PDB file of all heavy atoms in Angstrom:
ATOM      1  N   ASN A   1       0.827  -1.208   0.000  1.00  0.00           N
ATOM      2  CA  ASN A   1       0.000   0.000   0.000  1.00  0.00           C
ATOM      3  C   ASN A   1       0.863   1.261   0.000  1.00  0.00           C
ATOM      4  O   ASN A   1       0.583   2.234  -0.712  1.00  0.00           O
ATOM      5  CB  ASN A   1      -0.936  -0.002   1.210  1.00  0.00           C
ATOM      6  CG  ASN A   1      -2.031  -1.036   1.089  1.00  0.00           C
ATOM      7  OD1 ASN A   1      -2.447  -1.389  -0.013  1.00  0.00           O
ATOM      8  ND2 ASN A   1      -2.513  -1.526   2.226  1.00  0.00           N
ATOM      9  N   LEU A   2       1.918   1.249   0.800  1.00  0.00           N
ATOM     10  CA  LEU A   2       2.818   2.408   0.839  1.00  0.00           C
ATOM     11  C   LEU A   2       3.524   2.603  -0.497  1.00  0.00           C
ATOM     12  O   LEU A   2       3.685   3.736  -0.967  1.00  0.00           O
ATOM     13  CB  LEU A   2       3.847   2.229   1.963  1.00  0.00           C
ATOM     14  CG  LEU A   2       3.305   2.414   3.385  1.00  0.00           C
ATOM     15  CD1 LEU A   2       4.342   1.960   4.408  1.00  0.00           C
ATOM     16  CD2 LEU A   2       2.925   3.870   3.625  1.00  0.00           C
ATOM     17  N   GLN A   3       3.947   1.501  -1.107  1.00  0.00           N
ATOM     18  CA  GLN A   3       4.605   1.611  -2.406  1.00  0.00           C
ATOM     19  C   GLN A   3       3.664   2.225  -3.438  1.00  0.00           C
ATOM     20  O   GLN A   3       4.067   3.068  -4.253  1.00  0.00           O
ATOM     21  CB  GLN A   3       5.073   0.233  -2.874  1.00  0.00           C
ATOM     22  CG  GLN A   3       5.825   0.284  -4.209  1.00  0.00           C
ATOM     23  CD  GLN A   3       6.345  -1.080  -4.628  1.00  0.00           C
ATOM     24  OE1 GLN A   3       6.284  -2.041  -3.867  1.00  0.00           O
ATOM     25  NE2 GLN A   3       6.851  -1.177  -5.847  1.00  0.00           N
ATOM     26  N   THR A   4       2.408   1.827  -3.411  1.00  0.00           N
ATOM     27  CA  THR A   4       1.417   2.398  -4.328  1.00  0.00           C
ATOM     28  C   THR A   4       1.303   3.902  -4.134  1.00  0.00           C
ATOM     29  O   THR A   4       1.285   4.679  -5.095  1.00  0.00           O
ATOM     30  CB  THR A   4       0.046   1.738  -4.101  1.00  0.00           C
ATOM     31  OG1 THR A   4       0.123   0.357  -4.442  1.00  0.00           O
ATOM     32  CG2 THR A   4      -1.034   2.408  -4.947  1.00  0.00           C
ATOM     33  N   LEU A   5       1.234   4.336  -2.892  1.00  0.00           N
ATOM     34  CA  LEU A   5       1.084   5.762  -2.604  1.00  0.00           C
ATOM     35  C   LEU A   5       2.325   6.548  -2.986  1.00  0.00           C
ATOM     36  O   LEU A   5       2.240   7.660  -3.512  1.00  0.00           O
ATOM     37  CB  LEU A   5       0.761   5.948  -1.119  1.00  0.00           C
ATOM     38  CG  LEU A   5      -0.631   5.444  -0.711  1.00  0.00           C
ATOM     39  CD1 LEU A   5      -0.758   5.357   0.802  1.00  0.00           C
ATOM     40  CD2 LEU A   5      -1.712   6.353  -1.284  1.00  0.00           C
ATOM     41  N   VAL A   6       3.498   5.989  -2.732  1.00  0.00           N
ATOM     42  CA  VAL A   6       4.751   6.660  -3.117  1.00  0.00           C
ATOM     43  C   VAL A   6       4.840   6.793  -4.632  1.00  0.00           C
ATOM     44  O   VAL A   6       5.261   7.831  -5.162  1.00  0.00           O
ATOM     45  CB  VAL A   6       5.965   5.901  -2.544  1.00  0.00           C
ATOM     46  CG1 VAL A   6       7.264   6.434  -3.145  1.00  0.00           C
ATOM     47  CG2 VAL A   6       5.998   6.025  -1.026  1.00  0.00           C
ATOM     48  N   GLU A   7       4.428   5.755  -5.344  1.00  0.00           N
ATOM     49  CA  GLU A   7       4.447   5.809  -6.808  1.00  0.00           C
ATOM     50  C   GLU A   7       3.506   6.882  -7.343  1.00  0.00           C
ATOM     51  O   GLU A   7       3.729   7.424  -8.428  1.00  0.00           O
ATOM     52  CB  GLU A   7       4.078   4.441  -7.380  1.00  0.00           C
ATOM     53  CG  GLU A   7       5.172   3.397  -7.195  1.00  0.00           C
ATOM     54  CD  GLU A   7       4.728   2.003  -7.592  1.00  0.00           C
ATOM     55  OE1 GLU A   7       3.499   1.827  -7.855  1.00  0.00           O
ATOM     56  OE2 GLU A   7       5.580   1.092  -7.624  1.00  0.00           O
ATOM     57  N   ARG A   8       2.482   7.215  -6.578  1.00  0.00           N
ATOM     58  CA  ARG A   8       1.554   8.278  -6.976  1.00  0.00           C
ATOM     59  C   ARG A   8       2.056   9.668  -6.567  1.00  0.00           C
ATOM     60  O   ARG A   8       1.410  10.665  -6.861  1.00  0.00           O
ATOM     61  CB  ARG A   8       0.186   8.043  -6.341  1.00  0.00           C
ATOM     62  CG  ARG A   8      -0.546   6.824  -6.893  1.00  0.00           C
ATOM     63  CD  ARG A   8      -1.865   6.672  -6.156  1.00  0.00           C
ATOM     64  NE  ARG A   8      -2.507   5.408  -6.478  1.00  0.00           N
ATOM     65  CZ  ARG A   8      -3.437   4.822  -5.719  1.00  0.00           C
ATOM     66  NH1 ARG A   8      -3.814   5.419  -4.593  1.00  0.00           N
ATOM     67  NH2 ARG A   8      -3.973   3.681  -6.068  1.00  0.00           N
ATOM     68  N   GLY A   9       3.174   9.718  -5.865  1.00  0.00           N
ATOM     69  CA  GLY A   9       3.749  11.010  -5.514  1.00  0.00           C
ATOM     70  C   GLY A   9       3.757  11.347  -4.042  1.00  0.00           C
ATOM     71  O   GLY A   9       4.250  12.415  -3.657  1.00  0.00           O
ATOM     72  N   ALA A  10       3.219  10.480  -3.188  1.00  0.00           N
ATOM     73  CA  ALA A  10       3.239  10.759  -1.753  1.00  0.00           C
ATOM     74  C   ALA A  10       4.660  10.646  -1.211  1.00  0.00           C
ATOM     75  O   ALA A  10       5.490   9.899  -1.736  1.00  0.00           O
ATOM     76  CB  ALA A  10       2.319   9.793  -1.008  1.00  0.00           C
ATOM     77  N   THR A  11       4.948  11.386  -0.154  1.00  0.00           N
ATOM     78  CA  THR A  11       6.227  11.308   0.542  1.00  0.00           C
ATOM     79  C   THR A  11       6.069  10.437   1.775  1.00  0.00           C
ATOM     80  O   THR A  11       5.204  10.693   2.617  1.00  0.00           O
ATOM     81  CB  THR A  11       6.714  12.704   0.964  1.00  0.00           C
ATOM     82  OG1 THR A  11       6.945  13.499  -0.202  1.00  0.00           O
ATOM     83  CG2 THR A  11       7.995  12.621   1.774  1.00  0.00           C
ATOM     84  N   LEU A  12       6.887   9.407   1.870  1.00  0.00           N
ATOM     85  CA  LEU A  12       6.858   8.502   3.013  1.00  0.00           C
ATOM     86  C   LEU A  12       7.901   8.953   4.029  1.00  0.00           C
ATOM     87  O   LEU A  12       9.083   9.081   3.701  1.00  0.00           O
ATOM     88  CB  LEU A  12       7.141   7.069   2.572  1.00  0.00           C
ATOM     89  CG  LEU A  12       7.369   6.047   3.694  1.00  0.00           C
ATOM     90  CD1 LEU A  12       6.127   5.917   4.567  1.00  0.00           C
ATOM     91  CD2 LEU A  12       7.778   4.693   3.109  1.00  0.00           C
ATOM     92  N   ILE A  13       7.460   9.198   5.257  1.00  0.00           N
ATOM     93  CA  ILE A  13       8.365   9.509   6.363  1.00  0.00           C
ATOM     94  C   ILE A  13       8.579   8.209   7.123  1.00  0.00           C
ATOM     95  O   ILE A  13       7.680   7.724   7.822  1.00  0.00           O
ATOM     96  CB  ILE A  13       7.779  10.596   7.276  1.00  0.00           C
ATOM     97  CG1 ILE A  13       7.477  11.863   6.473  1.00  0.00           C
ATOM     98  CG2 ILE A  13       8.728  10.898   8.421  1.00  0.00           C
ATOM     99  CD1 ILE A  13       6.740  12.933   7.262  1.00  0.00           C
ATOM    100  N   GLU A  14       9.738   7.620   6.953  1.00  0.00           N
ATOM    101  CA  GLU A  14       9.993   6.309   7.542  1.00  0.00           C
ATOM    102  C   GLU A  14       9.877   6.370   9.060  1.00  0.00           C
ATOM    103  O   GLU A  14      10.363   7.296   9.704  1.00  0.00           O
ATOM    104  CB  GLU A  14      11.395   5.826   7.163  1.00  0.00           C
ATOM    105  CG  GLU A  14      11.560   5.473   5.689  1.00  0.00           C
ATOM    106  CD  GLU A  14      10.967   4.116   5.344  1.00  0.00           C
ATOM    107  OE1 GLU A  14      10.472   3.426   6.264  1.00  0.00           O
ATOM    108  OE2 GLU A  14      11.018   3.748   4.161  1.00  0.00           O
ATOM    109  N   PRO A  15       9.223   5.371   9.655  1.00  0.00           N
ATOM    110  CA  PRO A  15       9.102   5.343  11.119  1.00  0.00           C
ATOM    111  C   PRO A  15      10.423   4.974  11.785  1.00  0.00           C
ATOM    112  O   PRO A  15      11.321   4.402  11.158  1.00  0.00           O
ATOM    113  CB  PRO A  15       8.039   4.275  11.356  1.00  0.00           C
ATOM    114  CG  PRO A  15       8.156   3.364  10.180  1.00  0.00           C
ATOM    115  CD  PRO A  15       8.537   4.237   9.015  1.00  0.00           C
ATOM    116  N   ASP A  16      10.521   5.306  13.047  1.00  0.00           N
ATOM    117  CA  ASP A  16      11.695   4.952  13.839  1.00  0.00           C
ATOM    118  C   ASP A  16      11.552   3.544  14.394  1.00  0.00           C
ATOM    119  O   ASP A  16      10.456   2.973  14.434  1.00  0.00           O
ATOM    120  CB  ASP A  16      11.865   5.929  15.011  1.00  0.00           C
ATOM    121  CG  ASP A  16      12.236   7.324  14.542  1.00  0.00           C
ATOM    122  OD1 ASP A  16      12.732   7.459  13.401  1.00  0.00           O
ATOM    123  OD2 ASP A  16      12.032   8.274  15.321  1.00  0.00           O
ATOM    124  N   GLU A  17      12.679   3.017  14.848  1.00  0.00           N
ATOM    125  CA  GLU A  17      12.662   1.736  15.558  1.00  0.00           C
ATOM    126  C   GLU A  17      12.640   1.992  17.056  1.00  0.00           C
ATOM    127  O   GLU A  17      13.145   3.001  17.530  1.00  0.00           O
ATOM    128  CB  GLU A  17      13.888   0.899  15.183  1.00  0.00           C
ATOM    129  CG  GLU A  17      13.877   0.413  13.743  1.00  0.00           C
ATOM    130  CD  GLU A  17      14.928  -0.659  13.496  1.00  0.00           C
ATOM    131  OE1 GLU A  17      15.404  -1.243  14.493  1.00  0.00           O
ATOM    132  OE2 GLU A  17      15.258  -0.905  12.335  1.00  0.00           O
ATOM    133  N   GLY A  18      12.040   1.077  17.789  1.00  0.00           N
ATOM    134  CA  GLY A  18      12.007   1.225  19.239  1.00  0.00           C
ATOM    135  C   GLY A  18      10.960   0.342  19.868  1.00  0.00           C
ATOM    136  O   GLY A  18      10.444  -0.592  19.247  1.00  0.00           O
ATOM    137  N   ARG A  19      10.623   0.677  21.102  1.00  0.00           N
ATOM    138  CA  ARG A  19       9.663  -0.109  21.863  1.00  0.00           C
ATOM    139  C   ARG A  19       8.264   0.434  21.625  1.00  0.00           C
ATOM    140  O   ARG A  19       8.042   1.639  21.585  1.00  0.00           O
ATOM    141  CB  ARG A  19       9.992  -0.034  23.358  1.00  0.00           C
ATOM    142  CG  ARG A  19       9.062  -0.854  24.250  1.00  0.00           C
ATOM    143  CD  ARG A  19       9.423  -0.656  25.718  1.00  0.00           C
ATOM    144  NE  ARG A  19       8.529  -1.415  26.596  1.00  0.00           N
ATOM    145  CZ  ARG A  19       7.327  -1.010  26.977  1.00  0.00           C
ATOM    146  NH1 ARG A  19       6.858   0.154  26.550  1.00  0.00           N
ATOM    147  NH2 ARG A  19       6.593  -1.756  27.783  1.00  0.00           N
ATOM    148  N   PHE A  20       7.299  -0.481  21.450  1.00  0.00           N
ATOM    149  CA  PHE A  20       5.906  -0.114  21.247  1.00  0.00           C
ATOM    150  C   PHE A  20       5.138  -0.166  22.569  1.00  0.00           C
ATOM    151  O   PHE A  20       5.626  -0.698  23.578  1.00  0.00           O
ATOM    152  CB  PHE A  20       5.238  -1.048  20.240  1.00  0.00           C
ATOM    153  CG  PHE A  20       5.917  -1.082  18.902  1.00  0.00           C
ATOM    154  CD1 PHE A  20       6.326  -2.285  18.350  1.00  0.00           C
ATOM    155  CD2 PHE A  20       6.158   0.082  18.181  1.00  0.00           C
ATOM    156  CE1 PHE A  20       6.942  -2.335  17.115  1.00  0.00           C
ATOM    157  CE2 PHE A  20       6.776   0.044  16.951  1.00  0.00           C
ATOM    158  CZ  PHE A  20       7.171  -1.158  16.414  1.00  0.00           C
ATOM    159  N   ALA A  21       3.914   0.364  22.525  1.00  0.00           N
ATOM    160  CA  ALA A  21       3.064   0.335  23.710  1.00  0.00           C
ATOM    161  C   ALA A  21       2.783  -1.095  24.167  1.00  0.00           C
ATOM    162  O   ALA A  21       2.575  -1.354  25.356  1.00  0.00           O
ATOM    163  CB  ALA A  21       1.758   1.070  23.419  1.00  0.00           C
ATOM    164  N   SER A  22       2.794  -2.034  23.228  1.00  0.00           N
ATOM    165  CA  SER A  22       2.527  -3.430  23.564  1.00  0.00           C
ATOM    166  C   SER A  22       3.678  -4.083  24.302  1.00  0.00           C
ATOM    167  O   SER A  22       3.528  -5.180  24.853  1.00  0.00           O
ATOM    168  CB  SER A  22       2.259  -4.214  22.277  1.00  0.00           C
ATOM    169  OG  SER A  22       3.445  -4.240  21.472  1.00  0.00           O
ATOM    170  N   GLY A  23       4.834  -3.421  24.298  1.00  0.00           N
ATOM    171  CA  GLY A  23       6.026  -4.018  24.872  1.00  0.00           C
ATOM    172  C   GLY A  23       6.927  -4.654  23.837  1.00  0.00           C
ATOM    173  O   GLY A  23       8.079  -4.999  24.137  1.00  0.00           O
ATOM    174  N   LEU A  24       6.420  -4.839  22.620  1.00  0.00           N
ATOM    175  CA  LEU A  24       7.238  -5.361  21.527  1.00  0.00           C
ATOM    176  C   LEU A  24       8.175  -4.269  21.027  1.00  0.00           C
ATOM    177  O   LEU A  24       8.041  -3.091  21.360  1.00  0.00           O
ATOM    178  CB  LEU A  24       6.336  -5.856  20.394  1.00  0.00           C
ATOM    179  CG  LEU A  24       5.369  -6.995  20.718  1.00  0.00           C
ATOM    180  CD1 LEU A  24       4.451  -7.259  19.525  1.00  0.00           C
ATOM    181  CD2 LEU A  24       6.133  -8.254  21.107  1.00  0.00           C
ATOM    182  N   GLY A  25       9.114  -4.657  20.204  1.00  0.00           N
ATOM    183  CA  GLY A  25      10.038  -3.706  19.605  1.00  0.00           C
ATOM    184  C   GLY A  25      10.108  -3.914  18.111  1.00  0.00           C
ATOM    185  O   GLY A  25       9.750  -4.969  17.592  1.00  0.00           O
ATOM    186  N   GLY A  26      10.536  -2.892  17.408  1.00  0.00           N
ATOM    187  CA  GLY A  26      10.666  -3.005  15.964  1.00  0.00           C
ATOM    188  C   GLY A  26      10.508  -1.662  15.290  1.00  0.00           C
ATOM    189  O   GLY A  26      10.640  -0.594  15.913  1.00  0.00           O
ATOM    190  N   ARG A  27      10.189  -1.691  14.010  1.00  0.00           N
ATOM    191  CA  ARG A  27      10.036  -0.479  13.218  1.00  0.00           C
ATOM    192  C   ARG A  27       8.559  -0.101  13.158  1.00  0.00           C
ATOM    193  O   ARG A  27       7.726  -0.913  12.795  1.00  0.00           O
ATOM    194  CB  ARG A  27      10.578  -0.730  11.802  1.00  0.00           C
ATOM    195  CG  ARG A  27      10.851   0.521  11.010  1.00  0.00           C
ATOM    196  CD  ARG A  27      11.756   0.238   9.826  1.00  0.00           C
ATOM    197  NE  ARG A  27      11.306  -0.861   9.000  1.00  0.00           N
ATOM    198  CZ  ARG A  27      11.317  -0.850   7.667  1.00  0.00           C
ATOM    199  NH1 ARG A  27      11.731   0.234   7.029  1.00  0.00           N
ATOM    200  NH2 ARG A  27      10.920  -1.900   6.993  1.00  0.00           N
TER     201      ARG A  27
END
């Protein structure tokens, strides 16, 4: 979905990595 939007001209601001509210970690 993000690739589709970028191909249409949207700018993607990449998320940071870290700890989530669930306690999991990742991007």
